[in-house]
Amino acid sequence: MNAKSFSLRNVAYAGIFSLGLVGLSGCAHMTPTQQRVVSGGAIGAAGGAALGAITGGSPAVGAAVGGVAGGAAGAVMGNH
């Protein structure tokens, strides 16, 4: 097994785990805007981590940047 497939597998597991946590976090008591921010952040983090791993960069940096961008996009979409 090479390092690239190992890191992609870890990214997939982390994304599944993160989505599970979001599902269990009690979004029922959140406003629609807050729900969009959380969803956007989770999707952005997963996408950023995957993109970071695929391009040979750091999945952690990709997740951080993607999470911030996704959360910001969710906030903007929630206000319009």
PDB file of N, CA and C in Angstrom:
ATOM      1  N   MET A   1       0.855  -1.178   0.000  1.00  0.00           N
ATOM      2  CA  MET A   1       0.000   0.000   0.000  1.00  0.00           C
ATOM      3  C   MET A   1       0.897   1.235   0.000  1.00  0.00           C
ATOM      4  N   ASN A   2       0.638   2.149  -0.910  1.00  0.00           N
ATOM      5  CA  ASN A   2       1.462   3.349  -0.955  1.00  0.00           C
ATOM      6  C   ASN A   2       0.900   4.432  -0.032  1.00  0.00           C
ATOM      7  N   ALA A   3       1.693   5.463   0.167  1.00  0.00           N
ATOM      8  CA  ALA A   3       1.315   6.521   1.116  1.00  0.00           C
ATOM      9  C   ALA A   3       0.103   7.310   0.638  1.00  0.00           C
ATOM     10  N   LYS A   4      -0.045   7.467  -0.677  1.00  0.00           N
ATOM     11  CA  LYS A   4      -1.158   8.262  -1.185  1.00  0.00           C
ATOM     12  C   LYS A   4      -2.499   7.577  -0.922  1.00  0.00           C
ATOM     13  N   SER A   5      -2.593   6.276  -1.156  1.00  0.00           N
ATOM     14  CA  SER A   5      -3.858   5.584  -0.900  1.00  0.00           C
ATOM     15  C   SER A   5      -4.157   5.538   0.590  1.00  0.00           C
ATOM     16  N   PHE A   6      -3.119   5.439   1.406  1.00  0.00           N
ATOM     17  CA  PHE A   6      -3.320   5.445   2.853  1.00  0.00           C
ATOM     18  C   PHE A   6      -3.878   6.784   3.309  1.00  0.00           C
ATOM     19  N   SER A   7      -3.359   7.886   2.788  1.00  0.00           N
ATOM     20  CA  SER A   7      -3.846   9.196   3.213  1.00  0.00           C
ATOM     21  C   SER A   7      -5.260   9.451   2.696  1.00  0.00           C
ATOM     22  N   LEU A   8      -5.581   8.986   1.499  1.00  0.00           N
ATOM     23  CA  LEU A   8      -6.939   9.159   0.990  1.00  0.00           C
ATOM     24  C   LEU A   8      -7.938   8.360   1.818  1.00  0.00           C
ATOM     25  N   ARG A   9      -7.530   7.184   2.262  1.00  0.00           N
ATOM     26  CA  ARG A   9      -8.409   6.387   3.116  1.00  0.00           C
ATOM     27  C   ARG A   9      -8.649   7.113   4.440  1.00  0.00           C
ATOM     28  N   ASN A  10      -7.607   7.697   5.004  1.00  0.00           N
ATOM     29  CA  ASN A  10      -7.772   8.441   6.256  1.00  0.00           C
ATOM     30  C   ASN A  10      -8.677   9.649   6.070  1.00  0.00           C
ATOM     31  N   VAL A  11      -8.552  10.318   4.944  1.00  0.00           N
ATOM     32  CA  VAL A  11      -9.415  11.464   4.661  1.00  0.00           C
ATOM     33  C   VAL A  11     -10.866  11.014   4.561  1.00  0.00           C
ATOM     34  N   ALA A  12     -11.089   9.896   3.903  1.00  0.00           N
ATOM     35  CA  ALA A  12     -12.458   9.383   3.776  1.00  0.00           C
ATOM     36  C   ALA A  12     -13.032   9.034   5.144  1.00  0.00           C
ATOM     37  N   TYR A  13     -12.242   8.361   5.975  1.00  0.00           N
ATOM     38  CA  TYR A  13     -12.716   8.018   7.317  1.00  0.00           C
ATOM     39  C   TYR A  13     -12.993   9.271   8.146  1.00  0.00           C
ATOM     40  N   ALA A  14     -12.114  10.262   8.040  1.00  0.00           N
ATOM     41  CA  ALA A  14     -12.316  11.501   8.795  1.00  0.00           C
ATOM     42  C   ALA A  14     -13.572  12.224   8.327  1.00  0.00           C
ATOM     43  N   GLY A  15     -13.815  12.224   7.027  1.00  0.00           N
ATOM     44  CA  GLY A  15     -15.019  12.865   6.504  1.00  0.00           C
ATOM     45  C   GLY A  15     -16.287  12.175   6.965  1.00  0.00           C
ATOM     46  N   ILE A  16     -16.285  10.851   6.939  1.00  0.00           N
ATOM     47  CA  ILE A  16     -17.455  10.099   7.398  1.00  0.00           C
ATOM     48  C   ILE A  16     -17.687  10.341   8.882  1.00  0.00           C
ATOM     49  N   PHE A  17     -16.617  10.329   9.657  1.00  0.00           N
ATOM     50  CA  PHE A  17     -16.724  10.574  11.093  1.00  0.00           C
ATOM     51  C   PHE A  17     -17.251  11.980  11.361  1.00  0.00           C
ATOM     52  N   SER A  18     -16.745  12.964  10.612  1.00  0.00           N
ATOM     53  CA  SER A  18     -17.192  14.349  10.803  1.00  0.00           C
ATOM     54  C   SER A  18     -18.664  14.519  10.466  1.00  0.00           C
ATOM     55  N   LEU A  19     -19.094  13.905   9.382  1.00  0.00           N
ATOM     56  CA  LEU A  19     -20.508  14.000   9.019  1.00  0.00           C
ATOM     57  C   LEU A  19     -21.384  13.326  10.064  1.00  0.00           C
ATOM     58  N   GLY A  20     -20.895  12.237  10.640  1.00  0.00           N
ATOM     59  CA  GLY A  20     -21.639  11.583  11.716  1.00  0.00           C
ATOM     60  C   GLY A  20     -21.768  12.481  12.932  1.00  0.00           C
ATOM     61  N   LEU A  21     -20.700  13.188  13.264  1.00  0.00           N
ATOM     62  CA  LEU A  21     -20.755  14.109  14.399  1.00  0.00           C
ATOM     63  C   LEU A  21     -21.724  15.251  14.145  1.00  0.00           C
ATOM     64  N   VAL A  22     -21.720  15.761  12.932  1.00  0.00           N
ATOM     65  CA  VAL A  22     -22.659  16.833  12.596  1.00  0.00           C
ATOM     66  C   VAL A  22     -24.090  16.328  12.726  1.00  0.00           C
ATOM     67  N   GLY A  23     -24.321  15.108  12.288  1.00  0.00           N
ATOM     68  CA  GLY A  23     -25.656  14.532  12.384  1.00  0.00           C
ATOM     69  C   GLY A  23     -26.119  14.338  13.808  1.00  0.00           C
ATOM     70  N   LEU A  24     -25.178  14.092  14.707  1.00  0.00           N
ATOM     71  CA  LEU A  24     -25.524  13.866  16.106  1.00  0.00           C
ATOM     72  C   LEU A  24     -25.453  15.123  16.964  1.00  0.00           C
ATOM     73  N   SER A  25     -25.101  16.250  16.377  1.00  0.00           N
ATOM     74  CA  SER A  25     -24.859  17.452  17.173  1.00  0.00           C
ATOM     75  C   SER A  25     -26.115  18.226  17.534  1.00  0.00           C
ATOM     76  N   GLY A  26     -27.250  17.768  17.125  1.00  0.00           N
ATOM     77  CA  GLY A  26     -28.489  18.434  17.523  1.00  0.00           C
ATOM     78  C   GLY A  26     -28.804  19.656  16.693  1.00  0.00           C
ATOM     79  N   CYS A  27     -28.777  19.522  15.404  1.00  0.00           N
ATOM     80  CA  CYS A  27     -29.068  20.648  14.516  1.00  0.00           C
ATOM     81  C   CYS A  27     -30.532  21.082  14.569  1.00  0.00           C
ATOM     82  N   ALA A  28     -31.366  20.344  15.259  1.00  0.00           N
ATOM     83  CA  ALA A  28     -32.791  20.685  15.311  1.00  0.00           C
ATOM     84  C   ALA A  28     -33.034  22.016  16.010  1.00  0.00           C
ATOM     85  N   HIS A  29     -32.134  22.416  16.891  1.00  0.00           N
ATOM     86  CA  HIS A  29     -32.316  23.652  17.645  1.00  0.00           C
ATOM     87  C   HIS A  29     -31.524  24.813  17.051  1.00  0.00           C
ATOM     88  N   MET A  30     -31.064  24.642  15.829  1.00  0.00           N
ATOM     89  CA  MET A  30     -30.300  25.690  15.163  1.00  0.00           C
ATOM     90  C   MET A  30     -31.192  26.402  14.152  1.00  0.00           C
ATOM     91  N   THR A  31     -30.858  27.654  13.896  1.00  0.00           N
ATOM     92  CA  THR A  31     -31.568  28.387  12.849  1.00  0.00           C
ATOM     93  C   THR A  31     -31.135  27.831  11.490  1.00  0.00           C
ATOM     94  N   PRO A  32     -31.919  28.082  10.455  1.00  0.00           N
ATOM     95  CA  PRO A  32     -31.504  27.616   9.126  1.00  0.00           C
ATOM     96  C   PRO A  32     -30.137  28.162   8.699  1.00  0.00           C
ATOM     97  N   THR A  33     -29.830  29.400   9.056  1.00  0.00           N
ATOM     98  CA  THR A  33     -28.523  29.966   8.715  1.00  0.00           C
ATOM     99  C   THR A  33     -27.411  29.218   9.429  1.00  0.00           C
ATOM    100  N   GLN A  34     -27.599  28.920  10.708  1.00  0.00           N
ATOM    101  CA  GLN A  34     -26.594  28.170  11.452  1.00  0.00           C
ATOM    102  C   GLN A  34     -26.406  26.775  10.866  1.00  0.00           C
ATOM    103  N   GLN A  35     -27.490  26.150  10.454  1.00  0.00           N
ATOM    104  CA  GLN A  35     -27.395  24.829   9.840  1.00  0.00           C
ATOM    105  C   GLN A  35     -26.602  24.887   8.540  1.00  0.00           C
ATOM    106  N   ARG A  36     -26.808  25.941   7.758  1.00  0.00           N
ATOM    107  CA  ARG A  36     -26.066  26.081   6.503  1.00  0.00           C
ATOM    108  C   ARG A  36     -24.584  26.324   6.764  1.00  0.00           C
ATOM    109  N   VAL A  37     -24.262  27.089   7.801  1.00  0.00           N
ATOM    110  CA  VAL A  37     -22.860  27.335   8.139  1.00  0.00           C
ATOM    111  C   VAL A  37     -22.180  26.028   8.530  1.00  0.00           C
ATOM    112  N   VAL A  38     -22.831  25.242   9.378  1.00  0.00           N
ATOM    113  CA  VAL A  38     -22.250  23.968   9.814  1.00  0.00           C
ATOM    114  C   VAL A  38     -22.108  23.018   8.629  1.00  0.00           C
ATOM    115  N   SER A  39     -23.149  22.915   7.826  1.00  0.00           N
ATOM    116  CA  SER A  39     -23.099  22.025   6.659  1.00  0.00           C
ATOM    117  C   SER A  39     -22.022  22.470   5.679  1.00  0.00           C
ATOM    118  N   GLY A  40     -21.983  23.754   5.395  1.00  0.00           N
ATOM    119  CA  GLY A  40     -20.970  24.273   4.477  1.00  0.00           C
ATOM    120  C   GLY A  40     -19.564  24.055   4.995  1.00  0.00           C
ATOM    121  N   GLY A  41     -19.370  24.259   6.294  1.00  0.00           N
ATOM    122  CA  GLY A  41     -18.054  24.034   6.885  1.00  0.00           C
ATOM    123  C   GLY A  41     -17.628  22.582   6.814  1.00  0.00           C
ATOM    124  N   ALA A  42     -18.553  21.673   7.101  1.00  0.00           N
ATOM    125  CA  ALA A  42     -18.231  20.243   7.059  1.00  0.00           C
ATOM    126  C   ALA A  42     -17.926  19.788   5.634  1.00  0.00           C
ATOM    127  N   ILE A  43     -18.747  20.213   4.702  1.00  0.00           N
ATOM    128  CA  ILE A  43     -18.522  19.832   3.302  1.00  0.00           C
ATOM    129  C   ILE A  43     -17.229  20.452   2.784  1.00  0.00           C
ATOM    130  N   GLY A  44     -16.992  21.715   3.131  1.00  0.00           N
ATOM    131  CA  GLY A  44     -15.762  22.375   2.704  1.00  0.00           C
ATOM    132  C   GLY A  44     -14.522  21.733   3.295  1.00  0.00           C
ATOM    133  N   ALA A  45     -14.591  21.335   4.561  1.00  0.00           N
ATOM    134  CA  ALA A  45     -13.449  20.683   5.200  1.00  0.00           C
ATOM    135  C   ALA A  45     -13.154  19.338   4.551  1.00  0.00           C
ATOM    136  N   ALA A  46     -14.192  18.567   4.288  1.00  0.00           N
ATOM    137  CA  ALA A  46     -13.984  17.266   3.643  1.00  0.00           C
ATOM    138  C   ALA A  46     -13.416  17.439   2.234  1.00  0.00           C
ATOM    139  N   GLY A  47     -13.980  18.371   1.490  1.00  0.00           N
ATOM    140  CA  GLY A  47     -13.483  18.619   0.139  1.00  0.00           C
ATOM    141  C   GLY A  47     -12.069  19.167   0.132  1.00  0.00           C
ATOM    142  N   GLY A  48     -11.782  20.069   1.052  1.00  0.00           N
ATOM    143  CA  GLY A  48     -10.438  20.635   1.136  1.00  0.00           C
ATOM    144  C   GLY A  48      -9.400  19.606   1.532  1.00  0.00           C
ATOM    145  N   ALA A  49      -9.754  18.723   2.460  1.00  0.00           N
ATOM    146  CA  ALA A  49      -8.829  17.667   2.867  1.00  0.00           C
ATOM    147  C   ALA A  49      -8.569  16.707   1.713  1.00  0.00           C
ATOM    148  N   ALA A  50      -9.621  16.347   0.998  1.00  0.00           N
ATOM    149  CA  ALA A  50      -9.451  15.450  -0.144  1.00  0.00           C
ATOM    150  C   ALA A  50      -8.597  16.103  -1.224  1.00  0.00           C
ATOM    151  N   LEU A  51      -8.869  17.362  -1.519  1.00  0.00           N
ATOM    152  CA  LEU A  51      -8.097  18.069  -2.534  1.00  0.00           C
ATOM    153  C   LEU A  51      -6.636  18.210  -2.109  1.00  0.00           C
ATOM    154  N   GLY A  52      -6.414  18.499  -0.829  1.00  0.00           N
ATOM    155  CA  GLY A  52      -5.047  18.589  -0.332  1.00  0.00           C
ATOM    156  C   GLY A  52      -4.304  17.272  -0.458  1.00  0.00           C
ATOM    157  N   ALA A  53      -4.993  16.165  -0.174  1.00  0.00           N
ATOM    158  CA  ALA A  53      -4.359  14.854  -0.279  1.00  0.00           C
ATOM    159  C   ALA A  53      -4.095  14.475  -1.732  1.00  0.00           C
ATOM    160  N   ILE A  54      -5.028  14.785  -2.608  1.00  0.00           N
ATOM    161  CA  ILE A  54      -4.885  14.421  -4.021  1.00  0.00           C
ATOM    162  C   ILE A  54      -3.752  15.197  -4.681  1.00  0.00           C
ATOM    163  N   THR A  55      -3.628  16.474  -4.349  1.00  0.00           N
ATOM    164  CA  THR A  55      -2.608  17.307  -4.987  1.00  0.00           C
ATOM    165  C   THR A  55      -1.235  17.161  -4.352  1.00  0.00           C
ATOM    166  N   GLY A  56      -1.131  16.364  -3.304  1.00  0.00           N
ATOM    167  CA  GLY A  56       0.152  16.168  -2.653  1.00  0.00           C
ATOM    168  C   GLY A  56       0.445  17.199  -1.585  1.00  0.00           C
ATOM    169  N   GLY A  57      -0.506  18.051  -1.300  1.00  0.00           N
ATOM    170  CA  GLY A  57      -0.340  19.041  -0.241  1.00  0.00           C
ATOM    171  C   GLY A  57      -0.740  18.468   1.103  1.00  0.00           C
ATOM    172  N   SER A  58      -0.992  19.326   2.032  1.00  0.00           N
ATOM    173  CA  SER A  58      -1.368  18.911   3.376  1.00  0.00           C
ATOM    174  C   SER A  58      -2.886  18.800   3.488  1.00  0.00           C
ATOM    175  N   PRO A  59      -3.400  17.609   3.815  1.00  0.00           N
ATOM    176  CA  PRO A  59      -4.844  17.479   4.013  1.00  0.00           C
ATOM    177  C   PRO A  59      -5.361  18.349   5.154  1.00  0.00           C
ATOM    178  N   ALA A  60      -4.535  18.556   6.178  1.00  0.00           N
ATOM    179  CA  ALA A  60      -4.964  19.374   7.313  1.00  0.00           C
ATOM    180  C   ALA A  60      -5.154  20.831   6.895  1.00  0.00           C
ATOM    181  N   VAL A  61      -4.228  21.345   6.121  1.00  0.00           N
ATOM    182  CA  VAL A  61      -4.355  22.726   5.638  1.00  0.00           C
ATOM    183  C   VAL A  61      -5.548  22.834   4.695  1.00  0.00           C
ATOM    184  N   GLY A  62      -5.711  21.846   3.825  1.00  0.00           N
ATOM    185  CA  GLY A  62      -6.858  21.839   2.922  1.00  0.00           C
ATOM    186  C   GLY A  62      -8.170  21.810   3.676  1.00  0.00           C
ATOM    187  N   ALA A  63      -8.225  21.009   4.753  1.00  0.00           N
ATOM    188  CA  ALA A  63      -9.443  20.933   5.558  1.00  0.00           C
ATOM    189  C   ALA A  63      -9.724  22.259   6.248  1.00  0.00           C
ATOM    190  N   ALA A  64      -8.683  22.900   6.756  1.00  0.00           N
ATOM    191  CA  ALA A  64      -8.872  24.180   7.440  1.00  0.00           C
ATOM    192  C   ALA A  64      -9.367  25.251   6.473  1.00  0.00           C
ATOM    193  N   VAL A  65      -8.725  25.353   5.331  1.00  0.00           N
ATOM    194  CA  VAL A  65      -9.127  26.357   4.345  1.00  0.00           C
ATOM    195  C   VAL A  65     -10.520  26.047   3.807  1.00  0.00           C
ATOM    196  N   GLY A  66     -10.765  24.783   3.487  1.00  0.00           N
ATOM    197  CA  GLY A  66     -12.077  24.391   2.976  1.00  0.00           C
ATOM    198  C   GLY A  66     -13.180  24.598   3.994  1.00  0.00           C
ATOM    199  N   GLY A  67     -12.886  24.319   5.259  1.00  0.00           N
ATOM    200  CA  GLY A  67     -13.879  24.519   6.310  1.00  0.00           C
ATOM    201  C   GLY A  67     -14.264  25.976   6.481  1.00  0.00           C
ATOM    202  N   VAL A  68     -13.265  26.840   6.461  1.00  0.00           N
ATOM    203  CA  VAL A  68     -13.541  28.277   6.582  1.00  0.00           C
ATOM    204  C   VAL A  68     -14.318  28.775   5.365  1.00  0.00           C
ATOM    205  N   ALA A  69     -13.875  28.370   4.179  1.00  0.00           N
ATOM    206  CA  ALA A  69     -14.568  28.809   2.961  1.00  0.00           C
ATOM    207  C   ALA A  69     -15.991  28.266   2.909  1.00  0.00           C
ATOM    208  N   GLY A  70     -16.170  26.999   3.274  1.00  0.00           N
ATOM    209  CA  GLY A  70     -17.505  26.414   3.267  1.00  0.00           C
ATOM    210  C   GLY A  70     -18.418  27.045   4.293  1.00  0.00           C
ATOM    211  N   GLY A  71     -17.887  27.323   5.473  1.00  0.00           N
ATOM    212  CA  GLY A  71     -18.687  27.991   6.501  1.00  0.00           C
ATOM    213  C   GLY A  71     -19.094  29.391   6.079  1.00  0.00           C
ATOM    214  N   ALA A  72     -18.160  30.106   5.459  1.00  0.00           N
ATOM    215  CA  ALA A  72     -18.478  31.453   4.976  1.00  0.00           C
ATOM    216  C   ALA A  72     -19.525  31.401   3.868  1.00  0.00           C
ATOM    217  N   ALA A  73     -19.389  30.437   2.972  1.00  0.00           N
ATOM    218  CA  ALA A  73     -20.378  30.296   1.897  1.00  0.00           C
ATOM    219  C   ALA A  73     -21.746  29.950   2.471  1.00  0.00           C
ATOM    220  N   GLY A  74     -21.775  29.088   3.479  1.00  0.00           N
ATOM    221  CA  GLY A  74     -23.042  28.747   4.117  1.00  0.00           C
ATOM    222  C   GLY A  74     -23.684  29.946   4.791  1.00  0.00           C
ATOM    223  N   ALA A  75     -22.862  30.793   5.397  1.00  0.00           N
ATOM    224  CA  ALA A  75     -23.389  31.993   6.050  1.00  0.00           C
ATOM    225  C   ALA A  75     -23.961  32.963   5.023  1.00  0.00           C
ATOM    226  N   VAL A  76     -23.257  33.132   3.914  1.00  0.00           N
ATOM    227  CA  VAL A  76     -23.729  34.039   2.871  1.00  0.00           C
ATOM    228  C   VAL A  76     -25.016  33.507   2.253  1.00  0.00           C
ATOM    229  N   MET A  77     -25.061  32.210   1.975  1.00  0.00           N
ATOM    230  CA  MET A  77     -26.265  31.616   1.382  1.00  0.00           C
ATOM    231  C   MET A  77     -27.436  31.681   2.357  1.00  0.00           C
ATOM    232  N   GLY A  78     -27.154  31.604   3.644  1.00  0.00           N
ATOM    233  CA  GLY A  78     -28.214  31.672   4.638  1.00  0.00           C
ATOM    234  C   GLY A  78     -28.821  33.054   4.775  1.00  0.00           C
ATOM    235  N   ASN A  79     -28.081  34.076   4.387  1.00  0.00           N
ATOM    236  CA  ASN A  79     -28.575  35.445   4.503  1.00  0.00           C
ATOM    237  C   ASN A  79     -29.276  35.931   3.246  1.00  0.00           C
ATOM    238  N   HIS A  80     -29.299  35.131   2.197  1.00  0.00           N
ATOM    239  CA  HIS A  80     -29.929  35.566   0.938  1.00  0.00           C
ATOM    240  C   HIS A  80     -31.061  34.671   0.570  1.00  0.00           C
TER     241      HIS A  80
END
